[in-house]
Amino acid sequence: MFYRHLRHLIAFSLIALLAGCAGFGARESVEGHGSPALWSAHKQQLTQLDGWQINGKVGIRAPKDSGSATLFWLQRQDYYDIRLSGPLGRGAARLTGRPGNVTLEVANQGRYGAPTPEALLGEQLGWSLPVSHLVWWVRGLPAPGSKSRVTLNADSRLANLEQDGWKIEYLSYVEQNGFWLPERVKLHGPDLDVTLVVKDWQPRLLGQ
């Protein structure tokens, strides 16, 4: 009986160790004062979050433009509908799509399509904004597939993130439906600064 319990304990310890390694991955460098175990659990919970509705404000500073807009963001697994009202004096803009098929509608200008949101925003608005990463960053997670440098706060959530030439500051969080989600975020990239203030988070688990 003792050896059976011992085998179970060893097996459980190995599983926990492997899960911890998978949580960080070789591409993620973690610093700060938070707990690596709590950060791993927090990441696992937020990774499962595949649907939300966000209402807030966004401020943008670019070499040619600067200003603010109201933000509506609907996410349903790999489909997104992002609307900006009054961005930089352009009226309204709406970005919708899923991988491989993205559409941008700009008031009084027309409707445009492209395979990626990055290409579309670059061509039509002149913004170099990693929209595909924003799906992860807005949840307080590093995007998978590229190297990242993570600094944790005392609550074992993201305080700062550096990834693909961008620096993201997480200034405050809000708890909603059991999820701790970013409330105020500043993004600093090449020739573009973005400030996001979320006034209403509505997270949903769609895949369950």
C-alpha atoms as a PDB file:
ATOM      1  CA  MET A   1       0.000   0.000   0.000  1.00  0.00           C
ATOM      2  CA  PHE A   2       2.832   2.388   0.901  1.00  0.00           C
ATOM      3  CA  TYR A   3       4.623   1.782  -2.404  1.00  0.00           C
ATOM      4  CA  ARG A   4       1.405   2.261  -4.360  1.00  0.00           C
ATOM      5  CA  HIS A   5       0.886   5.659  -2.709  1.00  0.00           C
ATOM      6  CA  LEU A   6       4.529   6.485  -3.339  1.00  0.00           C
ATOM      7  CA  ARG A   7       4.166   5.674  -7.061  1.00  0.00           C
ATOM      8  CA  HIS A   8       1.047   7.848  -7.251  1.00  0.00           C
ATOM      9  CA  LEU A   9       2.880  10.697  -5.513  1.00  0.00           C
ATOM     10  CA  ILE A  10       5.831  10.464  -7.894  1.00  0.00           C
ATOM     11  CA  ALA A  11       3.541  10.321 -10.928  1.00  0.00           C
ATOM     12  CA  PHE A  12       1.558  13.328  -9.701  1.00  0.00           C
ATOM     13  CA  SER A  13       4.768  15.278  -9.067  1.00  0.00           C
ATOM     14  CA  LEU A  14       6.032  14.555 -12.596  1.00  0.00           C
ATOM     15  CA  ILE A  15       2.714  15.620 -14.126  1.00  0.00           C
ATOM     16  CA  ALA A  16       2.747  18.842 -12.106  1.00  0.00           C
ATOM     17  CA  LEU A  17       6.336  19.530 -13.166  1.00  0.00           C
ATOM     18  CA  LEU A  18       5.564  18.948 -16.832  1.00  0.00           C
ATOM     19  CA  ALA A  19       2.456  21.105 -16.610  1.00  0.00           C
ATOM     20  CA  GLY A  20       4.517  23.890 -15.070  1.00  0.00           C
ATOM     21  CA  CYS A  21       7.084  23.662 -17.842  1.00  0.00           C
ATOM     22  CA  ALA A  22       4.369  23.707 -20.486  1.00  0.00           C
ATOM     23  CA  GLY A  23       2.854  26.761 -18.840  1.00  0.00           C
ATOM     24  CA  PHE A  24       5.991  28.801 -19.389  1.00  0.00           C
ATOM     25  CA  GLY A  25       7.583  27.274 -22.451  1.00  0.00           C
ATOM     26  CA  ALA A  26      11.099  27.856 -23.702  1.00  0.00           C
ATOM     27  CA  ARG A  27      10.034  31.131 -25.348  1.00  0.00           C
ATOM     28  CA  GLU A  28       8.836  32.858 -22.173  1.00  0.00           C
ATOM     29  CA  SER A  29      11.195  34.623 -19.771  1.00  0.00           C
ATOM     30  CA  VAL A  30       9.499  35.351 -16.422  1.00  0.00           C
ATOM     31  CA  GLU A  31      10.591  37.977 -13.902  1.00  0.00           C
ATOM     32  CA  GLY A  32       9.002  39.936 -11.054  1.00  0.00           C
ATOM     33  CA  HIS A  33       7.698  39.214  -7.576  1.00  0.00           C
ATOM     34  CA  GLY A  34       4.743  36.983  -8.387  1.00  0.00           C
ATOM     35  CA  SER A  35       4.416  33.237  -7.947  1.00  0.00           C
ATOM     36  CA  PRO A  36       5.323  31.155 -11.032  1.00  0.00           C
ATOM     37  CA  ALA A  37       2.762  28.520 -10.021  1.00  0.00           C
ATOM     38  CA  LEU A  38      -0.041  31.077  -9.683  1.00  0.00           C
ATOM     39  CA  TRP A  39       0.951  32.710 -12.969  1.00  0.00           C
ATOM     40  CA  SER A  40       0.822  29.318 -14.700  1.00  0.00           C
ATOM     41  CA  ALA A  41      -2.655  28.646 -13.295  1.00  0.00           C
ATOM     42  CA  HIS A  42      -3.800  32.151 -14.256  1.00  0.00           C
ATOM     43  CA  LYS A  43      -2.546  31.654 -17.821  1.00  0.00           C
ATOM     44  CA  GLN A  44      -4.282  28.308 -18.127  1.00  0.00           C
ATOM     45  CA  GLN A  45      -7.600  29.811 -17.020  1.00  0.00           C
ATOM     46  CA  LEU A  46      -7.386  32.792 -19.388  1.00  0.00           C
ATOM     47  CA  THR A  47      -6.290  30.649 -22.346  1.00  0.00           C
ATOM     48  CA  GLN A  48      -9.653  28.863 -22.109  1.00  0.00           C
ATOM     49  CA  LEU A  49     -11.479  32.201 -22.378  1.00  0.00           C
ATOM     50  CA  ASP A  50     -12.567  32.258 -26.023  1.00  0.00           C
ATOM     51  CA  GLY A  51     -15.391  34.782 -26.000  1.00  0.00           C
ATOM     52  CA  TRP A  52     -15.973  38.268 -24.661  1.00  0.00           C
ATOM     53  CA  GLN A  53     -17.539  41.645 -25.184  1.00  0.00           C
ATOM     54  CA  ILE A  54     -15.575  44.765 -24.320  1.00  0.00           C
ATOM     55  CA  ASN A  55     -16.735  48.357 -24.118  1.00  0.00           C
ATOM     56  CA  GLY A  56     -14.199  51.079 -23.468  1.00  0.00           C
ATOM     57  CA  LYS A  57     -11.993  53.799 -24.894  1.00  0.00           C
ATOM     58  CA  VAL A  58      -8.797  53.711 -26.883  1.00  0.00           C
ATOM     59  CA  GLY A  59      -6.249  56.444 -27.440  1.00  0.00           C
ATOM     60  CA  ILE A  60      -3.767  56.330 -30.325  1.00  0.00           C
ATOM     61  CA  ARG A  61      -0.615  58.349 -30.971  1.00  0.00           C
ATOM     62  CA  ALA A  62       0.996  57.882 -34.362  1.00  0.00           C
ATOM     63  CA  PRO A  63       3.396  60.028 -36.420  1.00  0.00           C
ATOM     64  CA  LYS A  64       0.554  61.332 -38.626  1.00  0.00           C
ATOM     65  CA  ASP A  65      -2.445  61.039 -36.308  1.00  0.00           C
ATOM     66  CA  SER A  66      -3.443  61.116 -32.672  1.00  0.00           C
ATOM     67  CA  GLY A  67      -6.757  61.003 -30.920  1.00  0.00           C
ATOM     68  CA  SER A  68      -9.216  58.822 -29.059  1.00  0.00           C
ATOM     69  CA  ALA A  69     -12.246  56.709 -29.843  1.00  0.00           C
ATOM     70  CA  THR A  70     -14.861  54.597 -28.129  1.00  0.00           C
ATOM     71  CA  LEU A  71     -14.250  50.859 -28.479  1.00  0.00           C
ATOM     72  CA  PHE A  72     -16.586  47.899 -28.894  1.00  0.00           C
ATOM     73  CA  TRP A  73     -14.976  44.454 -29.234  1.00  0.00           C
ATOM     74  CA  LEU A  74     -16.951  41.250 -29.719  1.00  0.00           C
ATOM     75  CA  GLN A  75     -14.921  38.027 -29.749  1.00  0.00           C
ATOM     76  CA  ARG A  76     -16.411  34.609 -30.556  1.00  0.00           C
ATOM     77  CA  GLN A  77     -13.569  32.081 -30.660  1.00  0.00           C
ATOM     78  CA  ASP A  78     -11.666  32.931 -33.885  1.00  0.00           C
ATOM     79  CA  TYR A  79     -14.223  35.512 -35.090  1.00  0.00           C
ATOM     80  CA  TYR A  80     -13.913  39.146 -34.033  1.00  0.00           C
ATOM     81  CA  ASP A  81     -15.879  42.346 -34.518  1.00  0.00           C
ATOM     82  CA  ILE A  82     -13.965  45.454 -33.411  1.00  0.00           C
ATOM     83  CA  ARG A  83     -15.619  48.857 -33.783  1.00  0.00           C
ATOM     84  CA  LEU A  84     -14.081  52.278 -33.231  1.00  0.00           C
ATOM     85  CA  SER A  85     -16.346  55.283 -33.110  1.00  0.00           C
ATOM     86  CA  GLY A  86     -14.778  58.626 -33.987  1.00  0.00           C
ATOM     87  CA  PRO A  87     -11.145  57.496 -34.352  1.00  0.00           C
ATOM     88  CA  LEU A  88      -8.820  60.372 -35.175  1.00  0.00           C
ATOM     89  CA  GLY A  89     -11.501  62.370 -36.932  1.00  0.00           C
ATOM     90  CA  ARG A  90     -12.200  59.596 -39.439  1.00  0.00           C
ATOM     91  CA  GLY A  91     -15.747  58.886 -38.263  1.00  0.00           C
ATOM     92  CA  ALA A  92     -16.333  55.198 -37.551  1.00  0.00           C
ATOM     93  CA  ALA A  93     -14.298  52.112 -38.397  1.00  0.00           C
ATOM     94  CA  ARG A  94     -15.238  48.456 -38.095  1.00  0.00           C
ATOM     95  CA  LEU A  95     -12.826  45.527 -38.340  1.00  0.00           C
ATOM     96  CA  THR A  96     -14.369  42.065 -38.688  1.00  0.00           C
ATOM     97  CA  GLY A  97     -13.016  38.690 -39.650  1.00  0.00           C
ATOM     98  CA  ARG A  98     -11.402  35.415 -38.840  1.00  0.00           C
ATOM     99  CA  PRO A  99      -8.043  33.918 -39.889  1.00  0.00           C
ATOM    100  CA  GLY A 100      -7.495  34.439 -43.618  1.00  0.00           C
ATOM    101  CA  ASN A 101     -10.480  36.720 -44.211  1.00  0.00           C
ATOM    102  CA  VAL A 102     -10.595  40.223 -42.727  1.00  0.00           C
ATOM    103  CA  THR A 103     -12.757  43.216 -43.638  1.00  0.00           C
ATOM    104  CA  LEU A 104     -12.334  46.876 -42.681  1.00  0.00           C
ATOM    105  CA  GLU A 105     -15.190  49.347 -43.126  1.00  0.00           C
ATOM    106  CA  VAL A 106     -14.354  53.051 -42.779  1.00  0.00           C
ATOM    107  CA  ALA A 107     -17.122  55.642 -42.740  1.00  0.00           C
ATOM    108  CA  ASN A 108     -17.305  57.715 -45.936  1.00  0.00           C
ATOM    109  CA  GLN A 109     -14.354  55.824 -47.419  1.00  0.00           C
ATOM    110  CA  GLY A 110     -15.456  52.300 -48.237  1.00  0.00           C
ATOM    111  CA  ARG A 111     -14.970  48.646 -47.472  1.00  0.00           C
ATOM    112  CA  TYR A 112     -11.655  46.835 -47.810  1.00  0.00           C
ATOM    113  CA  GLY A 113     -10.461  43.250 -47.468  1.00  0.00           C
ATOM    114  CA  ALA A 114      -7.160  41.492 -46.787  1.00  0.00           C
ATOM    115  CA  PRO A 115      -5.874  38.148 -45.487  1.00  0.00           C
ATOM    116  CA  THR A 116      -4.646  39.663 -42.197  1.00  0.00           C
ATOM    117  CA  PRO A 117      -5.791  42.552 -39.983  1.00  0.00           C
ATOM    118  CA  GLU A 118      -2.217  43.844 -39.783  1.00  0.00           C
ATOM    119  CA  ALA A 119      -2.028  44.269 -43.569  1.00  0.00           C
ATOM    120  CA  LEU A 120      -5.435  45.917 -43.679  1.00  0.00           C
ATOM    121  CA  LEU A 121      -4.745  48.503 -40.969  1.00  0.00           C
ATOM    122  CA  GLY A 122      -1.332  49.229 -42.444  1.00  0.00           C
ATOM    123  CA  GLU A 123      -2.722  49.822 -45.944  1.00  0.00           C
ATOM    124  CA  GLN A 124      -5.819  51.818 -45.011  1.00  0.00           C
ATOM    125  CA  LEU A 125      -4.987  53.620 -41.755  1.00  0.00           C
ATOM    126  CA  GLY A 126      -1.199  53.585 -41.734  1.00  0.00           C
ATOM    127  CA  TRP A 127      -1.044  51.777 -38.376  1.00  0.00           C
ATOM    128  CA  SER A 128       1.467  49.061 -37.626  1.00  0.00           C
ATOM    129  CA  LEU A 129      -0.634  47.295 -34.995  1.00  0.00           C
ATOM    130  CA  PRO A 130      -0.328  43.546 -34.221  1.00  0.00           C
ATOM    131  CA  VAL A 131      -4.066  42.816 -34.034  1.00  0.00           C
ATOM    132  CA  SER A 132      -3.474  39.056 -33.991  1.00  0.00           C
ATOM    133  CA  HIS A 133      -1.449  39.509 -30.796  1.00  0.00           C
ATOM    134  CA  LEU A 134      -4.056  41.820 -29.278  1.00  0.00           C
ATOM    135  CA  VAL A 135      -6.416  38.864 -28.876  1.00  0.00           C
ATOM    136  CA  TRP A 136      -3.915  37.544 -26.320  1.00  0.00           C
ATOM    137  CA  TRP A 137      -2.585  40.820 -24.916  1.00  0.00           C
ATOM    138  CA  VAL A 138      -6.071  42.132 -24.079  1.00  0.00           C
ATOM    139  CA  ARG A 139      -6.536  39.112 -21.777  1.00  0.00           C
ATOM    140  CA  GLY A 140      -3.191  39.750 -20.094  1.00  0.00           C
ATOM    141  CA  LEU A 141      -1.362  36.920 -21.872  1.00  0.00           C
ATOM    142  CA  PRO A 142       1.726  36.770 -24.096  1.00  0.00           C
ATOM    143  CA  ALA A 143       0.892  35.687 -27.643  1.00  0.00           C
ATOM    144  CA  PRO A 144       2.055  32.156 -28.467  1.00  0.00           C
ATOM    145  CA  GLY A 145       4.583  31.458 -31.178  1.00  0.00           C
ATOM    146  CA  SER A 146       7.199  34.110 -30.427  1.00  0.00           C
ATOM    147  CA  LYS A 147       9.574  35.013 -27.626  1.00  0.00           C
ATOM    148  CA  SER A 148       8.272  37.109 -24.759  1.00  0.00           C
ATOM    149  CA  ARG A 149       9.640  38.702 -21.606  1.00  0.00           C
ATOM    150  CA  VAL A 150       7.162  38.754 -18.739  1.00  0.00           C
ATOM    151  CA  THR A 151       7.261  40.732 -15.488  1.00  0.00           C
ATOM    152  CA  LEU A 152       4.723  39.687 -12.863  1.00  0.00           C
ATOM    153  CA  ASN A 153       3.105  41.919 -10.278  1.00  0.00           C
ATOM    154  CA  ALA A 154       2.543  40.956  -6.632  1.00  0.00           C
ATOM    155  CA  ASP A 155      -0.716  39.212  -7.618  1.00  0.00           C
ATOM    156  CA  SER A 156       1.100  36.965 -10.116  1.00  0.00           C
ATOM    157  CA  ARG A 157      -0.474  38.688 -13.097  1.00  0.00           C
ATOM    158  CA  LEU A 158       1.236  40.608 -15.891  1.00  0.00           C
ATOM    159  CA  ALA A 159       2.753  43.929 -14.938  1.00  0.00           C
ATOM    160  CA  ASN A 160       4.853  44.300 -18.105  1.00  0.00           C
ATOM    161  CA  LEU A 161       5.232  42.334 -21.318  1.00  0.00           C
ATOM    162  CA  GLU A 162       7.809  42.671 -24.075  1.00  0.00           C
ATOM    163  CA  GLN A 163       7.122  40.836 -27.324  1.00  0.00           C
ATOM    164  CA  ASP A 164       7.917  41.337 -31.006  1.00  0.00           C
ATOM    165  CA  GLY A 165       9.153  44.898 -30.556  1.00  0.00           C
ATOM    166  CA  TRP A 166       6.240  45.970 -28.351  1.00  0.00           C
ATOM    167  CA  LYS A 167       6.174  46.900 -24.685  1.00  0.00           C
ATOM    168  CA  ILE A 168       2.874  46.522 -22.844  1.00  0.00           C
ATOM    169  CA  GLU A 169       2.144  47.956 -19.398  1.00  0.00           C
ATOM    170  CA  TYR A 170      -0.753  46.540 -17.371  1.00  0.00           C
ATOM    171  CA  LEU A 171      -1.777  49.294 -14.987  1.00  0.00           C
ATOM    172  CA  SER A 172      -4.887  47.796 -13.383  1.00  0.00           C
ATOM    173  CA  TYR A 173      -7.137  44.733 -13.412  1.00  0.00           C
ATOM    174  CA  VAL A 174     -10.791  44.032 -12.737  1.00  0.00           C
ATOM    175  CA  GLU A 175     -12.468  40.795 -11.606  1.00  0.00           C
ATOM    176  CA  GLN A 176     -15.413  39.645 -13.721  1.00  0.00           C
ATOM    177  CA  ASN A 177     -17.148  36.235 -13.604  1.00  0.00           C
ATOM    178  CA  GLY A 178     -14.165  34.683 -11.856  1.00  0.00           C
ATOM    179  CA  PHE A 179     -11.589  36.090 -14.307  1.00  0.00           C
ATOM    180  CA  TRP A 180      -9.030  38.776 -13.471  1.00  0.00           C
ATOM    181  CA  LEU A 181      -8.795  40.833 -16.655  1.00  0.00           C
ATOM    182  CA  PRO A 182      -6.847  43.959 -17.688  1.00  0.00           C
ATOM    183  CA  GLU A 183      -8.660  47.234 -17.132  1.00  0.00           C
ATOM    184  CA  ARG A 184      -6.018  49.810 -18.127  1.00  0.00           C
ATOM    185  CA  VAL A 185      -3.276  48.935 -20.612  1.00  0.00           C
ATOM    186  CA  LYS A 186      -0.606  50.941 -22.407  1.00  0.00           C
ATOM    187  CA  LEU A 187       1.037  49.582 -25.550  1.00  0.00           C
ATOM    188  CA  HIS A 188       4.244  51.068 -26.917  1.00  0.00           C
ATOM    189  CA  GLY A 189       5.339  49.986 -30.390  1.00  0.00           C
ATOM    190  CA  PRO A 190       7.362  51.239 -33.349  1.00  0.00           C
ATOM    191  CA  ASP A 191       5.895  54.677 -34.183  1.00  0.00           C
ATOM    192  CA  LEU A 192       2.630  53.882 -32.396  1.00  0.00           C
ATOM    193  CA  ASP A 193       1.375  54.197 -28.810  1.00  0.00           C
ATOM    194  CA  VAL A 194      -2.012  52.842 -27.759  1.00  0.00           C
ATOM    195  CA  THR A 195      -3.836  53.338 -24.463  1.00  0.00           C
ATOM    196  CA  LEU A 196      -6.764  51.028 -23.708  1.00  0.00           C
ATOM    197  CA  VAL A 197      -9.276  51.626 -20.932  1.00  0.00           C
ATOM    198  CA  VAL A 198     -11.931  48.912 -20.528  1.00  0.00           C
ATOM    199  CA  LYS A 199     -15.118  50.147 -18.895  1.00  0.00           C
ATOM    200  CA  ASP A 200     -17.054  46.893 -19.216  1.00  0.00           C
ATOM    201  CA  TRP A 201     -15.728  43.333 -19.514  1.00  0.00           C
ATOM    202  CA  GLN A 202     -18.144  40.493 -20.342  1.00  0.00           C
ATOM    203  CA  PRO A 203     -16.083  37.286 -20.557  1.00  0.00           C
ATOM    204  CA  ARG A 204     -17.658  34.061 -21.821  1.00  0.00           C
ATOM    205  CA  LEU A 205     -16.473  30.483 -22.244  1.00  0.00           C
ATOM    206  CA  LEU A 206     -17.918  29.422 -25.588  1.00  0.00           C
ATOM    207  CA  GLY A 207     -16.110  26.144 -26.136  1.00  0.00           C
ATOM    208  CA  GLN A 208     -17.552  24.398 -23.097  1.00  0.00           C
END
